[in-house]
Amino acid sequence: MERVGLIGVGTMGEPVGRRLLAAGFPLAVPPRSAERTARLGAAGAQVLASVAEVVAASDVVLLLLPRPDVADAVVDEVAAAAREGQLCVEHGTVGPRRARRAAGVLAARGVAYLDAPVSGGPGGAAEGTLTAMVGGDPDVLARARPVLEASCARIRRCGDVGAGQVVKLVNQLLVGVHTAASAEAAVLGAALGADPDALADVLGTSFGASRMLERNLPRMVARDFSPATTTGVLLKDLGLIAEEAETAGCPLPLGALARERFAEGAARGWAGEDMAGLVRLWEEAAGTEVRPAPPAPDER
């Protein structure tokens, strides 16, 4: 069984690590995110002193880092410590150009590389239901598949290195736009007196169906903006999308509007809160809140 190193033990990395341990993979992690690392250590992971030590102890290295610039720096650390025959898998959202750069840096050391960004959030990671969008050689994917299957229910090769990142960015564009649209729709419903349960029920089987409305509306009603997929993470991704779209000469007017809303939410101090919390921007403008419907009167 492959020995796995996991670099990036955050809100996604910790549940991915737990899934790997549950699947029986020997797991090594560096001492970052001390609390989460300690929990993985207690669950059976080997906590080592540095990225270099994790690389030395691993056959497959998974990267799940919060920012593209951090991922770039860690790829260089991995390459410096790597040995021929290892495999590195990028689970984070870094964009296709960074993925291709990483593949080149690692290939020079004889290390195979896949970009395999994932979708499904921390809940999907914990339940093992993530979707992985993979770019890279089919034979390399075949080697990585048992490791990916520990946390991913769907693994789709999208093309060569960078293709997984392209598909993930398209996904994130829709997440951002649909989150903004779901907030606007929910507040319109509240302003006009609609029952949120009726909205969710009817829209879920209508042309207006939206995974983001299905996800976000219960959080809006409960005022639960505790972090799962945060405003800051989506703002980072929307920035990457804007960079790639500009390079490709592809205007994204709706993406730009969504990015403005996410940036405004971050400026309000909500970057670390769940993206459903952006509904407050629309609520303030409308002077209403998305709340549970009042109980029906007792007709007896």
C-alpha atoms as a PDB file:
ATOM      1  CA  MET A   1       0.000   0.000   0.000  1.00  0.00           C
ATOM      2  CA  GLU A   2       1.294   3.464  -0.931  1.00  0.00           C
ATOM      3  CA  ARG A   3       2.566   5.666   1.881  1.00  0.00           C
ATOM      4  CA  VAL A   4       0.814   9.037   1.694  1.00  0.00           C
ATOM      5  CA  GLY A   5       2.042  12.472   2.725  1.00  0.00           C
ATOM      6  CA  LEU A   6      -0.566  15.191   3.194  1.00  0.00           C
ATOM      7  CA  ILE A   7       0.562  18.807   3.125  1.00  0.00           C
ATOM      8  CA  GLY A   8      -2.245  21.207   3.988  1.00  0.00           C
ATOM      9  CA  VAL A   9      -4.244  20.093   7.018  1.00  0.00           C
ATOM     10  CA  GLY A  10      -7.000  22.707   6.915  1.00  0.00           C
ATOM     11  CA  THR A  11     -10.780  22.493   6.835  1.00  0.00           C
ATOM     12  CA  MET A  12     -10.537  20.173   3.820  1.00  0.00           C
ATOM     13  CA  GLY A  13      -7.209  18.520   4.592  1.00  0.00           C
ATOM     14  CA  GLU A  14      -8.141  17.176   8.009  1.00  0.00           C
ATOM     15  CA  PRO A  15     -11.200  15.196   6.829  1.00  0.00           C
ATOM     16  CA  VAL A  16      -9.266  13.980   3.770  1.00  0.00           C
ATOM     17  CA  GLY A  17      -6.553  12.790   6.149  1.00  0.00           C
ATOM     18  CA  ARG A  18      -9.109  10.967   8.282  1.00  0.00           C
ATOM     19  CA  ARG A  19     -10.506   9.222   5.213  1.00  0.00           C
ATOM     20  CA  LEU A  20      -7.007   8.097   4.213  1.00  0.00           C
ATOM     21  CA  LEU A  21      -6.353   6.699   7.675  1.00  0.00           C
ATOM     22  CA  ALA A  22      -9.721   4.922   7.682  1.00  0.00           C
ATOM     23  CA  ALA A  23      -8.820   3.354   4.323  1.00  0.00           C
ATOM     24  CA  GLY A  24      -5.611   1.985   5.854  1.00  0.00           C
ATOM     25  CA  PHE A  25      -3.040   4.241   4.195  1.00  0.00           C
ATOM     26  CA  PRO A  26       0.071   5.085   6.250  1.00  0.00           C
ATOM     27  CA  LEU A  27      -0.171   8.884   6.552  1.00  0.00           C
ATOM     28  CA  ALA A  28       2.491  11.505   7.306  1.00  0.00           C
ATOM     29  CA  VAL A  29       1.805  15.207   7.891  1.00  0.00           C
ATOM     30  CA  PRO A  30       3.994  18.228   8.690  1.00  0.00           C
ATOM     31  CA  PRO A  31       3.445  20.231  11.900  1.00  0.00           C
ATOM     32  CA  ARG A  32       1.296  22.985  10.402  1.00  0.00           C
ATOM     33  CA  SER A  33      -2.230  23.817  11.638  1.00  0.00           C
ATOM     34  CA  ALA A  34      -1.184  22.523  15.057  1.00  0.00           C
ATOM     35  CA  GLU A  35      -4.631  21.653  16.401  1.00  0.00           C
ATOM     36  CA  ARG A  36      -5.721  19.750  13.307  1.00  0.00           C
ATOM     37  CA  THR A  37      -2.334  18.063  12.992  1.00  0.00           C
ATOM     38  CA  ALA A  38      -2.561  16.932  16.610  1.00  0.00           C
ATOM     39  CA  ARG A  39      -5.986  15.415  15.977  1.00  0.00           C
ATOM     40  CA  LEU A  40      -4.689  13.503  12.951  1.00  0.00           C
ATOM     41  CA  GLY A  41      -1.701  12.379  15.006  1.00  0.00           C
ATOM     42  CA  ALA A  42      -4.053  11.034  17.658  1.00  0.00           C
ATOM     43  CA  ALA A  43      -5.954   9.212  14.897  1.00  0.00           C
ATOM     44  CA  GLY A  44      -2.784   7.471  13.697  1.00  0.00           C
ATOM     45  CA  ALA A  45      -0.946   9.861  11.379  1.00  0.00           C
ATOM     46  CA  GLN A  46       2.815  10.299  11.697  1.00  0.00           C
ATOM     47  CA  VAL A  47       3.577  13.948  12.475  1.00  0.00           C
ATOM     48  CA  LEU A  48       6.991  14.867  11.082  1.00  0.00           C
ATOM     49  CA  ALA A  49       9.108  17.963  11.529  1.00  0.00           C
ATOM     50  CA  SER A  50       9.011  19.403   8.006  1.00  0.00           C
ATOM     51  CA  VAL A  51       7.722  19.124   4.461  1.00  0.00           C
ATOM     52  CA  ALA A  52      11.027  17.537   3.471  1.00  0.00           C
ATOM     53  CA  GLU A  53      10.591  14.771   6.064  1.00  0.00           C
ATOM     54  CA  VAL A  54       7.021  14.138   4.908  1.00  0.00           C
ATOM     55  CA  VAL A  55       8.217  13.830   1.303  1.00  0.00           C
ATOM     56  CA  ALA A  56      10.986  11.429   2.343  1.00  0.00           C
ATOM     57  CA  ALA A  57       8.472   9.230   4.171  1.00  0.00           C
ATOM     58  CA  SER A  58       5.925   9.121   1.318  1.00  0.00           C
ATOM     59  CA  ASP A  59       5.297   7.508  -2.030  1.00  0.00           C
ATOM     60  CA  VAL A  60       2.381   9.808  -2.882  1.00  0.00           C
ATOM     61  CA  VAL A  61       2.275  13.433  -1.726  1.00  0.00           C
ATOM     62  CA  LEU A  62      -1.080  15.236  -1.636  1.00  0.00           C
ATOM     63  CA  LEU A  63      -1.200  19.033  -1.598  1.00  0.00           C
ATOM     64  CA  LEU A  64      -4.284  20.777  -0.222  1.00  0.00           C
ATOM     65  CA  LEU A  65      -3.159  24.331   0.399  1.00  0.00           C
ATOM     66  CA  PRO A  66      -5.215  27.505   0.855  1.00  0.00           C
ATOM     67  CA  ARG A  67      -3.542  29.858  -1.632  1.00  0.00           C
ATOM     68  CA  PRO A  68      -1.846  29.464  -5.014  1.00  0.00           C
ATOM     69  CA  ASP A  69       1.292  31.326  -3.929  1.00  0.00           C
ATOM     70  CA  VAL A  70       1.652  28.994  -0.941  1.00  0.00           C
ATOM     71  CA  ALA A  71       1.152  26.004  -3.263  1.00  0.00           C
ATOM     72  CA  ASP A  72       3.927  27.298  -5.542  1.00  0.00           C
ATOM     73  CA  ALA A  73       6.357  27.550  -2.630  1.00  0.00           C
ATOM     74  CA  VAL A  74       5.458  24.097  -1.299  1.00  0.00           C
ATOM     75  CA  VAL A  75       5.876  22.509  -4.752  1.00  0.00           C
ATOM     76  CA  ASP A  76       9.430  23.855  -4.744  1.00  0.00           C
ATOM     77  CA  GLU A  77       9.988  22.356  -1.265  1.00  0.00           C
ATOM     78  CA  VAL A  78       8.589  19.017  -2.430  1.00  0.00           C
ATOM     79  CA  ALA A  79      10.797  19.028  -5.531  1.00  0.00           C
ATOM     80  CA  ALA A  80      13.910  19.780  -3.483  1.00  0.00           C
ATOM     81  CA  ALA A  81      13.273  16.763  -1.246  1.00  0.00           C
ATOM     82  CA  ALA A  82      11.787  14.392  -3.841  1.00  0.00           C
ATOM     83  CA  ARG A  83      13.180  11.198  -5.250  1.00  0.00           C
ATOM     84  CA  GLU A  84      12.508   9.606  -8.616  1.00  0.00           C
ATOM     85  CA  GLY A  85       9.336   7.524  -8.822  1.00  0.00           C
ATOM     86  CA  GLN A  86       7.221   9.526  -6.431  1.00  0.00           C
ATOM     87  CA  LEU A  87       3.812  11.005  -7.269  1.00  0.00           C
ATOM     88  CA  CYS A  88       2.472  14.437  -6.315  1.00  0.00           C
ATOM     89  CA  VAL A  89      -1.250  15.258  -6.491  1.00  0.00           C
ATOM     90  CA  GLU A  90      -2.515  18.847  -6.272  1.00  0.00           C
ATOM     91  CA  HIS A  91      -5.982  18.914  -4.696  1.00  0.00           C
ATOM     92  CA  GLY A  92      -6.106  22.685  -4.278  1.00  0.00           C
ATOM     93  CA  THR A  93      -7.443  25.234  -6.739  1.00  0.00           C
ATOM     94  CA  VAL A  94      -4.335  26.862  -8.202  1.00  0.00           C
ATOM     95  CA  GLY A  95      -5.193  27.447 -11.876  1.00  0.00           C
ATOM     96  CA  PRO A  96      -3.922  25.664 -14.978  1.00  0.00           C
ATOM     97  CA  ARG A  97      -0.743  27.695 -15.451  1.00  0.00           C
ATOM     98  CA  ARG A  98       0.496  26.943 -11.935  1.00  0.00           C
ATOM     99  CA  ALA A  99      -0.387  23.280 -12.391  1.00  0.00           C
ATOM    100  CA  ARG A 100       1.714  23.095 -15.562  1.00  0.00           C
ATOM    101  CA  ARG A 101       4.587  24.867 -13.825  1.00  0.00           C
ATOM    102  CA  ALA A 102       4.418  22.379 -10.934  1.00  0.00           C
ATOM    103  CA  ALA A 103       4.390  19.449 -13.344  1.00  0.00           C
ATOM    104  CA  GLY A 104       7.547  20.757 -15.010  1.00  0.00           C
ATOM    105  CA  VAL A 105       9.386  21.418 -11.745  1.00  0.00           C
ATOM    106  CA  LEU A 106       8.574  17.938 -10.457  1.00  0.00           C
ATOM    107  CA  ALA A 107       9.242  16.141 -13.751  1.00  0.00           C
ATOM    108  CA  ALA A 108      12.806  17.429 -13.588  1.00  0.00           C
ATOM    109  CA  ARG A 109      13.158  15.370 -10.394  1.00  0.00           C
ATOM    110  CA  GLY A 110      11.477  12.278 -11.873  1.00  0.00           C
ATOM    111  CA  VAL A 111       8.233  12.880  -9.984  1.00  0.00           C
ATOM    112  CA  ALA A 112       4.853  12.319 -11.649  1.00  0.00           C
ATOM    113  CA  TYR A 113       2.140  14.931 -11.151  1.00  0.00           C
ATOM    114  CA  LEU A 114      -1.638  15.204 -11.351  1.00  0.00           C
ATOM    115  CA  ASP A 115      -3.754  18.268 -10.843  1.00  0.00           C
ATOM    116  CA  ALA A 116      -6.869  16.935  -9.132  1.00  0.00           C
ATOM    117  CA  PRO A 117      -8.848  19.773  -7.553  1.00  0.00           C
ATOM    118  CA  VAL A 118     -11.873  18.616  -5.601  1.00  0.00           C
ATOM    119  CA  SER A 119     -15.423  19.870  -5.092  1.00  0.00           C
ATOM    120  CA  GLY A 120     -17.842  19.034  -2.318  1.00  0.00           C
ATOM    121  CA  GLY A 121     -16.583  21.026   0.644  1.00  0.00           C
ATOM    122  CA  PRO A 122     -15.554  19.783   4.092  1.00  0.00           C
ATOM    123  CA  GLY A 123     -18.764  17.763   4.395  1.00  0.00           C
ATOM    124  CA  GLY A 124     -18.002  15.896   1.190  1.00  0.00           C
ATOM    125  CA  ALA A 125     -14.442  15.283   2.360  1.00  0.00           C
ATOM    126  CA  ALA A 126     -15.676  13.848   5.658  1.00  0.00           C
ATOM    127  CA  GLU A 127     -18.232  11.627   3.925  1.00  0.00           C
ATOM    128  CA  GLY A 128     -15.930  10.526   1.095  1.00  0.00           C
ATOM    129  CA  THR A 129     -18.202  12.011  -1.565  1.00  0.00           C
ATOM    130  CA  LEU A 130     -15.896  14.572  -3.182  1.00  0.00           C
ATOM    131  CA  THR A 131     -15.627  14.966  -6.937  1.00  0.00           C
ATOM    132  CA  ALA A 132     -12.069  15.079  -8.300  1.00  0.00           C
ATOM    133  CA  MET A 133     -11.417  16.797 -11.632  1.00  0.00           C
ATOM    134  CA  VAL A 134      -8.131  15.348 -12.836  1.00  0.00           C
ATOM    135  CA  GLY A 135      -5.546  16.539 -15.328  1.00  0.00           C
ATOM    136  CA  GLY A 136      -2.645  14.267 -16.212  1.00  0.00           C
ATOM    137  CA  ASP A 137      -1.492  10.988 -17.708  1.00  0.00           C
ATOM    138  CA  PRO A 138      -4.034   8.122 -17.523  1.00  0.00           C
ATOM    139  CA  ASP A 139      -1.421   5.700 -16.205  1.00  0.00           C
ATOM    140  CA  VAL A 140      -0.487   8.113 -13.423  1.00  0.00           C
ATOM    141  CA  LEU A 141      -4.171   8.471 -12.558  1.00  0.00           C
ATOM    142  CA  ALA A 142      -4.495   4.681 -12.412  1.00  0.00           C
ATOM    143  CA  ARG A 143      -1.724   4.628  -9.806  1.00  0.00           C
ATOM    144  CA  ALA A 144      -3.313   7.466  -7.816  1.00  0.00           C
ATOM    145  CA  ARG A 145      -6.881   6.175  -7.998  1.00  0.00           C
ATOM    146  CA  PRO A 146      -6.848   4.023  -4.802  1.00  0.00           C
ATOM    147  CA  VAL A 147      -5.589   7.035  -2.834  1.00  0.00           C
ATOM    148  CA  LEU A 148      -8.158   9.373  -4.386  1.00  0.00           C
ATOM    149  CA  GLU A 149     -10.978   6.907  -3.758  1.00  0.00           C
ATOM    150  CA  ALA A 150     -10.480   7.289  -0.015  1.00  0.00           C
ATOM    151  CA  SER A 151     -12.209  10.682  -0.157  1.00  0.00           C
ATOM    152  CA  CYS A 152     -13.651  10.969  -3.680  1.00  0.00           C
ATOM    153  CA  ALA A 153     -16.808   9.259  -4.927  1.00  0.00           C
ATOM    154  CA  ARG A 154     -16.340  10.565  -8.462  1.00  0.00           C
ATOM    155  CA  ILE A 155     -12.975  10.805 -10.229  1.00  0.00           C
ATOM    156  CA  ARG A 156     -13.036  12.215 -13.749  1.00  0.00           C
ATOM    157  CA  ARG A 157     -10.013  12.645 -15.976  1.00  0.00           C
ATOM    158  CA  CYS A 158     -10.560  15.909 -17.858  1.00  0.00           C
ATOM    159  CA  GLY A 159      -7.426  15.886 -20.043  1.00  0.00           C
ATOM    160  CA  ASP A 160      -3.730  16.617 -19.692  1.00  0.00           C
ATOM    161  CA  VAL A 161      -2.118  18.494 -16.806  1.00  0.00           C
ATOM    162  CA  GLY A 162      -4.043  21.714 -16.157  1.00  0.00           C
ATOM    163  CA  ALA A 163      -7.357  20.399 -17.462  1.00  0.00           C
ATOM    164  CA  GLY A 164      -8.598  19.530 -13.987  1.00  0.00           C
ATOM    165  CA  GLN A 165      -7.914  23.099 -12.870  1.00  0.00           C
ATOM    166  CA  VAL A 166      -9.801  24.486 -15.873  1.00  0.00           C
ATOM    167  CA  VAL A 167     -12.900  22.441 -15.038  1.00  0.00           C
ATOM    168  CA  LYS A 168     -12.625  23.410 -11.351  1.00  0.00           C
ATOM    169  CA  LEU A 169     -12.456  27.112 -12.234  1.00  0.00           C
ATOM    170  CA  VAL A 170     -15.569  26.785 -14.399  1.00  0.00           C
ATOM    171  CA  ASN A 171     -17.252  25.081 -11.442  1.00  0.00           C
ATOM    172  CA  GLN A 172     -16.169  27.851  -9.081  1.00  0.00           C
ATOM    173  CA  LEU A 173     -17.439  30.522 -11.463  1.00  0.00           C
ATOM    174  CA  LEU A 174     -20.867  28.904 -11.245  1.00  0.00           C
ATOM    175  CA  VAL A 175     -20.604  28.537  -7.461  1.00  0.00           C
ATOM    176  CA  GLY A 176     -19.870  32.248  -7.128  1.00  0.00           C
ATOM    177  CA  VAL A 177     -22.542  33.432  -9.547  1.00  0.00           C
ATOM    178  CA  HIS A 178     -25.160  31.009  -8.212  1.00  0.00           C
ATOM    179  CA  THR A 179     -24.407  31.933  -4.595  1.00  0.00           C
ATOM    180  CA  ALA A 180     -25.025  35.581  -5.433  1.00  0.00           C
ATOM    181  CA  ALA A 181     -28.159  34.645  -7.377  1.00  0.00           C
ATOM    182  CA  SER A 182     -29.452  32.419  -4.566  1.00  0.00           C
ATOM    183  CA  ALA A 183     -29.027  35.269  -2.065  1.00  0.00           C
ATOM    184  CA  GLU A 184     -30.878  37.668  -4.353  1.00  0.00           C
ATOM    185  CA  ALA A 185     -33.692  35.166  -4.946  1.00  0.00           C
ATOM    186  CA  ALA A 186     -34.048  34.313  -1.246  1.00  0.00           C
ATOM    187  CA  VAL A 187     -34.302  37.984  -0.280  1.00  0.00           C
ATOM    188  CA  LEU A 188     -36.842  38.658  -3.033  1.00  0.00           C
ATOM    189  CA  GLY A 189     -38.911  35.788  -1.643  1.00  0.00           C
ATOM    190  CA  ALA A 190     -38.610  37.179   1.901  1.00  0.00           C
ATOM    191  CA  ALA A 191     -39.557  40.696   0.766  1.00  0.00           C
ATOM    192  CA  LEU A 192     -42.682  39.353  -0.949  1.00  0.00           C
ATOM    193  CA  GLY A 193     -43.651  37.126   1.963  1.00  0.00           C
ATOM    194  CA  ALA A 194     -42.784  33.690   0.538  1.00  0.00           C
ATOM    195  CA  ASP A 195     -42.390  30.694   2.853  1.00  0.00           C
ATOM    196  CA  PRO A 196     -38.725  29.600   2.559  1.00  0.00           C
ATOM    197  CA  ASP A 197     -39.743  25.933   2.835  1.00  0.00           C
ATOM    198  CA  ALA A 198     -42.138  26.357  -0.083  1.00  0.00           C
ATOM    199  CA  LEU A 199     -39.432  28.113  -2.093  1.00  0.00           C
ATOM    200  CA  ALA A 200     -36.967  25.295  -1.480  1.00  0.00           C
ATOM    201  CA  ASP A 201     -39.515  22.602  -2.245  1.00  0.00           C
ATOM    202  CA  VAL A 202     -40.939  24.081  -5.439  1.00  0.00           C
ATOM    203  CA  LEU A 203     -37.714  25.498  -6.883  1.00  0.00           C
ATOM    204  CA  GLY A 204     -35.926  22.222  -6.238  1.00  0.00           C
ATOM    205  CA  THR A 205     -38.015  20.557  -8.956  1.00  0.00           C
ATOM    206  CA  SER A 206     -38.427  23.563 -11.261  1.00  0.00           C
ATOM    207  CA  PHE A 207     -36.298  25.226 -13.922  1.00  0.00           C
ATOM    208  CA  GLY A 208     -34.978  27.567 -11.226  1.00  0.00           C
ATOM    209  CA  ALA A 209     -33.364  24.668  -9.357  1.00  0.00           C
ATOM    210  CA  SER A 210     -29.910  25.505  -8.010  1.00  0.00           C
ATOM    211  CA  ARG A 211     -27.492  23.439  -5.964  1.00  0.00           C
ATOM    212  CA  MET A 212     -26.318  26.660  -4.327  1.00  0.00           C
ATOM    213  CA  LEU A 213     -29.858  27.669  -3.343  1.00  0.00           C
ATOM    214  CA  GLU A 214     -30.406  24.157  -1.983  1.00  0.00           C
ATOM    215  CA  ARG A 215     -27.178  24.449  -0.008  1.00  0.00           C
ATOM    216  CA  ASN A 216     -27.387  28.072   1.104  1.00  0.00           C
ATOM    217  CA  LEU A 217     -31.071  28.663   1.880  1.00  0.00           C
ATOM    218  CA  PRO A 218     -31.178  26.514   5.043  1.00  0.00           C
ATOM    219  CA  ARG A 219     -28.090  28.338   6.310  1.00  0.00           C
ATOM    220  CA  MET A 220     -29.673  31.708   5.546  1.00  0.00           C
ATOM    221  CA  VAL A 221     -32.874  30.783   7.385  1.00  0.00           C
ATOM    222  CA  ALA A 222     -30.960  29.409  10.395  1.00  0.00           C
ATOM    223  CA  ARG A 223     -28.500  32.359  10.340  1.00  0.00           C
ATOM    224  CA  ASP A 224     -25.744  29.737  10.313  1.00  0.00           C
ATOM    225  CA  PHE A 225     -22.747  31.333   8.673  1.00  0.00           C
ATOM    226  CA  SER A 226     -20.172  29.158  10.426  1.00  0.00           C
ATOM    227  CA  PRO A 227     -17.310  28.399   8.034  1.00  0.00           C
ATOM    228  CA  ALA A 228     -17.631  25.549   5.586  1.00  0.00           C
ATOM    229  CA  THR A 229     -16.918  27.027   2.153  1.00  0.00           C
ATOM    230  CA  THR A 230     -15.951  30.557   3.028  1.00  0.00           C
ATOM    231  CA  THR A 231     -16.372  33.890   1.309  1.00  0.00           C
ATOM    232  CA  GLY A 232     -12.587  34.295   1.341  1.00  0.00           C
ATOM    233  CA  VAL A 233     -11.978  30.985  -0.455  1.00  0.00           C
ATOM    234  CA  LEU A 234     -14.483  31.834  -3.186  1.00  0.00           C
ATOM    235  CA  LEU A 235     -13.072  35.344  -3.527  1.00  0.00           C
ATOM    236  CA  LYS A 236      -9.626  33.813  -4.087  1.00  0.00           C
ATOM    237  CA  ASP A 237     -11.035  31.473  -6.718  1.00  0.00           C
ATOM    238  CA  LEU A 238     -12.949  34.253  -8.470  1.00  0.00           C
ATOM    239  CA  GLY A 239      -9.689  36.206  -8.652  1.00  0.00           C
ATOM    240  CA  LEU A 240      -7.956  33.238 -10.283  1.00  0.00           C
ATOM    241  CA  ILE A 241     -10.855  32.903 -12.713  1.00  0.00           C
ATOM    242  CA  ALA A 242     -10.593  36.583 -13.635  1.00  0.00           C
ATOM    243  CA  GLU A 243      -6.839  36.217 -14.303  1.00  0.00           C
ATOM    244  CA  GLU A 244      -7.296  33.182 -16.523  1.00  0.00           C
ATOM    245  CA  ALA A 245     -10.258  34.712 -18.360  1.00  0.00           C
ATOM    246  CA  GLU A 246      -8.314  37.908 -19.055  1.00  0.00           C
ATOM    247  CA  THR A 247      -5.409  35.869 -20.447  1.00  0.00           C
ATOM    248  CA  ALA A 248      -7.854  33.997 -22.690  1.00  0.00           C
ATOM    249  CA  GLY A 249      -9.620  37.201 -23.775  1.00  0.00           C
ATOM    250  CA  CYS A 250     -12.930  35.925 -22.386  1.00  0.00           C
ATOM    251  CA  PRO A 251     -15.142  38.586 -20.730  1.00  0.00           C
ATOM    252  CA  LEU A 252     -17.041  37.429 -17.633  1.00  0.00           C
ATOM    253  CA  PRO A 253     -19.605  40.143 -16.769  1.00  0.00           C
ATOM    254  CA  LEU A 254     -21.590  37.969 -14.343  1.00  0.00           C
ATOM    255  CA  GLY A 255     -18.389  36.661 -12.803  1.00  0.00           C
ATOM    256  CA  ALA A 256     -17.222  40.238 -12.273  1.00  0.00           C
ATOM    257  CA  LEU A 257     -20.481  41.140 -10.501  1.00  0.00           C
ATOM    258  CA  ALA A 258     -20.217  38.075  -8.255  1.00  0.00           C
ATOM    259  CA  ARG A 259     -16.611  38.903  -7.457  1.00  0.00           C
ATOM    260  CA  GLU A 260     -17.645  42.441  -6.431  1.00  0.00           C
ATOM    261  CA  ARG A 261     -20.208  41.013  -4.003  1.00  0.00           C
ATOM    262  CA  PHE A 262     -17.709  38.568  -2.515  1.00  0.00           C
ATOM    263  CA  ALA A 263     -15.141  41.353  -2.202  1.00  0.00           C
ATOM    264  CA  GLU A 264     -17.692  43.532  -0.411  1.00  0.00           C
ATOM    265  CA  GLY A 265     -18.474  40.695   1.982  1.00  0.00           C
ATOM    266  CA  ALA A 266     -14.778  40.197   2.699  1.00  0.00           C
ATOM    267  CA  ALA A 267     -14.389  43.933   3.302  1.00  0.00           C
ATOM    268  CA  ARG A 268     -17.167  43.685   5.902  1.00  0.00           C
ATOM    269  CA  GLY A 269     -15.085  41.136   7.800  1.00  0.00           C
ATOM    270  CA  TRP A 270     -16.915  38.039   6.559  1.00  0.00           C
ATOM    271  CA  ALA A 271     -14.028  36.402   4.677  1.00  0.00           C
ATOM    272  CA  GLY A 272     -13.774  33.625   7.251  1.00  0.00           C
ATOM    273  CA  GLU A 273     -17.531  33.000   7.332  1.00  0.00           C
ATOM    274  CA  ASP A 274     -19.545  30.748   5.072  1.00  0.00           C
ATOM    275  CA  MET A 275     -20.441  32.172   1.676  1.00  0.00           C
ATOM    276  CA  ALA A 276     -24.164  31.885   2.539  1.00  0.00           C
ATOM    277  CA  GLY A 277     -23.586  34.891   4.801  1.00  0.00           C
ATOM    278  CA  LEU A 278     -23.377  37.156   1.751  1.00  0.00           C
ATOM    279  CA  VAL A 279     -27.180  37.226   1.878  1.00  0.00           C
ATOM    280  CA  ARG A 280     -26.803  40.047   4.404  1.00  0.00           C
ATOM    281  CA  LEU A 281     -25.753  42.416   1.619  1.00  0.00           C
ATOM    282  CA  TRP A 282     -29.104  41.941  -0.135  1.00  0.00           C
ATOM    283  CA  GLU A 283     -31.023  41.925   3.149  1.00  0.00           C
ATOM    284  CA  GLU A 284     -29.599  45.301   4.124  1.00  0.00           C
ATOM    285  CA  ALA A 285     -30.553  46.803   0.767  1.00  0.00           C
ATOM    286  CA  ALA A 286     -34.082  45.369   0.948  1.00  0.00           C
ATOM    287  CA  GLY A 287     -34.645  46.047   4.647  1.00  0.00           C
ATOM    288  CA  THR A 288     -35.731  42.456   5.277  1.00  0.00           C
ATOM    289  CA  GLU A 289     -34.237  39.149   6.381  1.00  0.00           C
ATOM    290  CA  VAL A 290     -34.622  35.582   5.205  1.00  0.00           C
ATOM    291  CA  ARG A 291     -36.341  34.017   8.183  1.00  0.00           C
ATOM    292  CA  PRO A 292     -38.458  30.930   8.891  1.00  0.00           C
ATOM    293  CA  ALA A 293     -42.121  31.259   8.008  1.00  0.00           C
ATOM    294  CA  PRO A 294     -44.355  31.958  11.034  1.00  0.00           C
ATOM    295  CA  PRO A 295     -46.143  28.884  12.348  1.00  0.00           C
ATOM    296  CA  ALA A 296     -49.556  28.240  10.853  1.00  0.00           C
ATOM    297  CA  PRO A 297     -52.438  29.305  13.124  1.00  0.00           C
ATOM    298  CA  ASP A 298     -54.170  26.538  15.047  1.00  0.00           C
ATOM    299  CA  GLU A 299     -57.406  25.981  13.160  1.00  0.00           C
ATOM    300  CA  ARG A 300     -58.987  23.653  15.695  1.00  0.00           C
END
